[in-house]
C-alpha atoms as a PDB file:
ATOM      1  CA  ALA A   1      -0.094  -0.019   0.009  1.00  0.00           C
ATOM      2  CA  ASP A   2       2.937   2.372   0.707  1.00  0.00           C
ATOM      3  CA  LEU A   3       4.493   1.813  -2.652  1.00  0.00           C
ATOM      4  CA  ALA A   4       1.179   2.105  -4.577  1.00  0.00           C
ATOM      5  CA  SER A   5       0.553   5.617  -2.615  1.00  0.00           C
ATOM      6  CA  LYS A   6       4.026   6.800  -3.522  1.00  0.00           C
ATOM      7  CA  CYS A   7       3.277   5.856  -7.152  1.00  0.00           C
ATOM      8  CA  THR A   8       0.147   7.824  -6.958  1.00  0.00           C
ATOM      9  CA  VAL A   9       2.037  10.870  -5.732  1.00  0.00           C
ATOM     10  CA  ASN A  10       4.454  10.356  -8.724  1.00  0.00           C
ATOM     11  CA  GLU A  11       1.442  10.100 -11.232  1.00  0.00           C
ATOM     12  CA  ALA A  12      -0.011  13.402  -9.612  1.00  0.00           C
ATOM     13  CA  TYR A  13       3.264  15.135 -10.291  1.00  0.00           C
ATOM     14  CA  ASN A  14       2.804  14.135 -14.138  1.00  0.00           C
ATOM     15  CA  TYR A  15      -0.808  15.618 -13.868  1.00  0.00           C
ATOM     16  CA  ILE A  16       0.836  18.837 -12.527  1.00  0.00           C
ATOM     17  CA  HIS A  17       3.361  19.073 -15.255  1.00  0.00           C
ATOM     18  CA  ALA A  18       0.681  18.362 -17.904  1.00  0.00           C
ATOM     19  CA  GLY A  19      -1.397  21.408 -16.354  1.00  0.00           C
ATOM     20  CA  LYS A  20      -4.043  19.323 -14.767  1.00  0.00           C
ATOM     21  CA  ILE A  21      -3.540  20.874 -11.466  1.00  0.00           C
ATOM     22  CA  ASN A  22      -6.981  20.190 -10.344  1.00  0.00           C
ATOM     23  CA  GLU A  23      -6.996  16.380 -10.971  1.00  0.00           C
ATOM     24  CA  ALA A  24      -3.559  16.248  -9.299  1.00  0.00           C
ATOM     25  CA  LEU A  25      -4.843  18.012  -6.112  1.00  0.00           C
ATOM     26  CA  VAL A  26      -7.862  15.735  -5.942  1.00  0.00           C
ATOM     27  CA  MET A  27      -5.517  12.761  -6.214  1.00  0.00           C
ATOM     28  CA  LEU A  28      -2.993  14.084  -3.696  1.00  0.00           C
ATOM     29  CA  ARG A  29      -5.625  14.919  -1.036  1.00  0.00           C
ATOM     30  CA  LYS A  30      -6.934  11.343  -1.235  1.00  0.00           C
ATOM     31  CA  VAL A  31      -3.563   9.778  -0.920  1.00  0.00           C
ATOM     32  CA  LYS A  32      -2.624  12.312   1.844  1.00  0.00           C
ATOM     33  CA  LYS A  33      -5.902  11.243   3.935  1.00  0.00           C
ATOM     34  CA  ASP A  34      -5.109   7.559   3.223  1.00  0.00           C
ATOM     35  CA  SER A  35      -1.598   7.672   4.277  1.00  0.00           C
ATOM     36  CA  ALA A  36      -2.308   9.680   7.385  1.00  0.00           C
ATOM     37  CA  LEU A  37      -4.995   7.041   8.352  1.00  0.00           C
ATOM     38  CA  ARG A  38      -2.196   4.160   8.030  1.00  0.00           C
ATOM     39  CA  GLY A  39       0.358   6.260   9.936  1.00  0.00           C
ATOM     40  CA  ASP A  40       2.666   6.676   6.820  1.00  0.00           C
ATOM     41  CA  ASN A  41       4.137   9.930   7.592  1.00  0.00           C
ATOM     42  CA  LEU A  42       6.686   9.798   4.829  1.00  0.00           C
ATOM     43  CA  THR A  43       4.040   9.513   2.223  1.00  0.00           C
ATOM     44  CA  ALA A  44       1.773  12.192   3.809  1.00  0.00           C
ATOM     45  CA  SER A  45       4.684  14.721   3.845  1.00  0.00           C
ATOM     46  CA  MET A  46       5.332  13.770   0.136  1.00  0.00           C
ATOM     47  CA  CYS A  47       1.644  14.632  -0.664  1.00  0.00           C
ATOM     48  CA  LYS A  48       1.960  17.878   1.349  1.00  0.00           C
ATOM     49  CA  SER A  49       4.968  19.038  -0.691  1.00  0.00           C
ATOM     50  CA  ALA A  50       3.359  17.798  -4.059  1.00  0.00           C
ATOM     51  CA  ILE A  51       0.113  19.868  -3.003  1.00  0.00           C
ATOM     52  CA  LEU A  52       2.302  22.950  -2.421  1.00  0.00           C
ATOM     53  CA  PHE A  53       4.011  22.501  -5.712  1.00  0.00           C
ATOM     54  CA  ALA A  54       0.840  22.220  -7.342  1.00  0.00           C
ATOM     55  CA  LYS A  55      -0.564  25.165  -5.934  1.00  0.00           C
ATOM     56  CA  ARG A  56       2.517  27.279  -6.943  1.00  0.00           C
ATOM     57  CA  VAL A  57       2.487  25.947 -10.470  1.00  0.00           C
ATOM     58  CA  GLY A  58      -1.102  26.890 -10.639  1.00  0.00           C
ATOM     59  CA  LYS A  59      -0.590  30.611  -9.580  1.00  0.00           C
ATOM     60  CA  ALA A  60       2.552  30.689 -11.985  1.00  0.00           C
ATOM     61  CA  SER A  61       0.294  29.686 -14.831  1.00  0.00           C
ATOM     62  CA  LEU A  62      -2.299  32.117 -13.977  1.00  0.00           C
ATOM     63  CA  TYR A  63       0.293  34.754 -14.034  1.00  0.00           C
ATOM     64  CA  GLU A  64       1.691  33.431 -17.331  1.00  0.00           C
ATOM     65  CA  GLY A  65      -1.668  33.419 -18.850  1.00  0.00           C
ATOM     66  CA  GLU A  66      -2.048  37.018 -17.868  1.00  0.00           C
ATOM     67  CA  GLU A  67       1.218  37.993 -19.377  1.00  0.00           C
ATOM     68  CA  GLN A  68       0.363  36.162 -22.664  1.00  0.00           C
ATOM     69  CA  GLN A  69      -3.031  38.004 -22.829  1.00  0.00           C
ATOM     70  CA  GLN A  70      -1.032  41.362 -22.273  1.00  0.00           C
ATOM     71  CA  GLN A  71       1.547  40.303 -25.236  1.00  0.00           C
ATOM     72  CA  GLN A  72      -1.463  39.402 -27.298  1.00  0.00           C
ATOM     73  CA  MET A  73      -2.985  42.866 -26.988  1.00  0.00           C
ATOM     74  CA  GLU A  74       0.276  44.465 -27.516  1.00  0.00           C
ATOM     75  CA  LYS A  75       0.639  42.437 -30.951  1.00  0.00           C
ATOM     76  CA  GLU A  76      -2.840  43.207 -31.952  1.00  0.00           C
ATOM     77  CA  THR A  77      -2.154  47.126 -31.320  1.00  0.00           C
ATOM     78  CA  VAL A  78       1.060  46.775 -33.519  1.00  0.00           C
ATOM     79  CA  ILE A  79      -0.783  45.160 -36.218  1.00  0.00           C
ATOM     80  CA  GLU A  80      -3.525  47.690 -36.379  1.00  0.00           C
ATOM     81  CA  GLU A  81      -0.795  50.440 -36.515  1.00  0.00           C
ATOM     82  CA  GLU A  82       0.759  48.623 -39.350  1.00  0.00           C
ATOM     83  CA  LYS A  83      -2.478  48.516 -41.060  1.00  0.00           C
ATOM     84  CA  LYS A  84      -2.980  52.155 -40.583  1.00  0.00           C
ATOM     85  CA  SER A  85       0.599  52.841 -41.826  1.00  0.00           C
ATOM     86  CA  VAL A  86      -0.168  50.560 -45.088  1.00  0.00           C
ATOM     87  CA  GLU A  87      -3.439  52.395 -45.779  1.00  0.00           C
ATOM     88  CA  ASN A  88      -1.730  55.868 -45.516  1.00  0.00           C
ATOM     89  CA  GLU A  89       1.238  54.736 -47.755  1.00  0.00           C
ATOM     90  CA  HIS A  90      -1.223  53.371 -50.434  1.00  0.00           C
ATOM     91  CA  HIS A  91      -3.247  56.730 -50.100  1.00  0.00           C
ATOM     92  CA  TYR A  92       0.104  58.598 -50.440  1.00  0.00           C
ATOM     93  CA  LEU A  93       1.265  56.659 -53.471  1.00  0.00           C
ATOM     94  CA  SER A  94      -2.115  56.925 -55.148  1.00  0.00           C
ATOM     95  CA  SER A  95      -2.112  60.569 -54.887  1.00  0.00           C
ATOM     96  CA  GLY A  96       0.427  60.952 -57.604  1.00  0.00           C
ATOM     97  CA  LYS A  97       3.289  62.062 -55.323  1.00  0.00           C
ATOM     98  CA  ARG A  98       6.631  60.151 -55.664  1.00  0.00           C
ATOM     99  CA  ARG A  99       8.675  58.502 -52.939  1.00  0.00           C
ATOM    100  CA  GLN A 100      12.359  57.617 -52.769  1.00  0.00           C
ATOM    101  CA  LEU A 101      11.579  54.313 -50.914  1.00  0.00           C
ATOM    102  CA  THR A 102      10.104  51.023 -52.185  1.00  0.00           C
ATOM    103  CA  VAL A 103       6.354  50.501 -51.920  1.00  0.00           C
ATOM    104  CA  ASP A 104       6.425  48.266 -49.001  1.00  0.00           C
ATOM    105  CA  ASP A 105       9.742  49.422 -47.318  1.00  0.00           C
ATOM    106  CA  PHE A 106      10.257  46.054 -45.693  1.00  0.00           C
ATOM    107  CA  GLN A 107      13.611  44.455 -45.378  1.00  0.00           C
ATOM    108  CA  ARG A 108      14.272  41.582 -48.093  1.00  0.00           C
ATOM    109  CA  ILE A 109      16.005  38.122 -47.216  1.00  0.00           C
ATOM    110  CA  ARG A 110      18.426  37.335 -49.846  1.00  0.00           C
ATOM    111  CA  ILE A 111      19.375  33.812 -50.750  1.00  0.00           C
ATOM    112  CA  PHE A 112      22.870  33.393 -52.361  1.00  0.00           C
ATOM    113  CA  ARG A 113      23.890  30.398 -54.415  1.00  0.00           C
ATOM    114  CA  GLU A 114      27.410  29.141 -53.933  1.00  0.00           C
END
């Protein structure tokens, strides 16, 4: 029973790393309760550590999600600004005025053959 409980703790860590925090917490709490009833303090302390780790990973992933949302909003803002710039450029070119630069002004990637 002790070895099976330790294997379950290991399985819970796999769930944590896979991002399934809630499933891991349910599993860990059950194992912690069972091991405490059996008097297996080592497995109970392993569960306690794993639960703490799961909560920290959960908080970190929430923060990461907020950070990714912020980056996505910034990307969308840049894309909108680029669209406006391109529209203004096309308007400028269609008005008959000449420019010194190319139409799109993007850096080109050149491939050289040896």
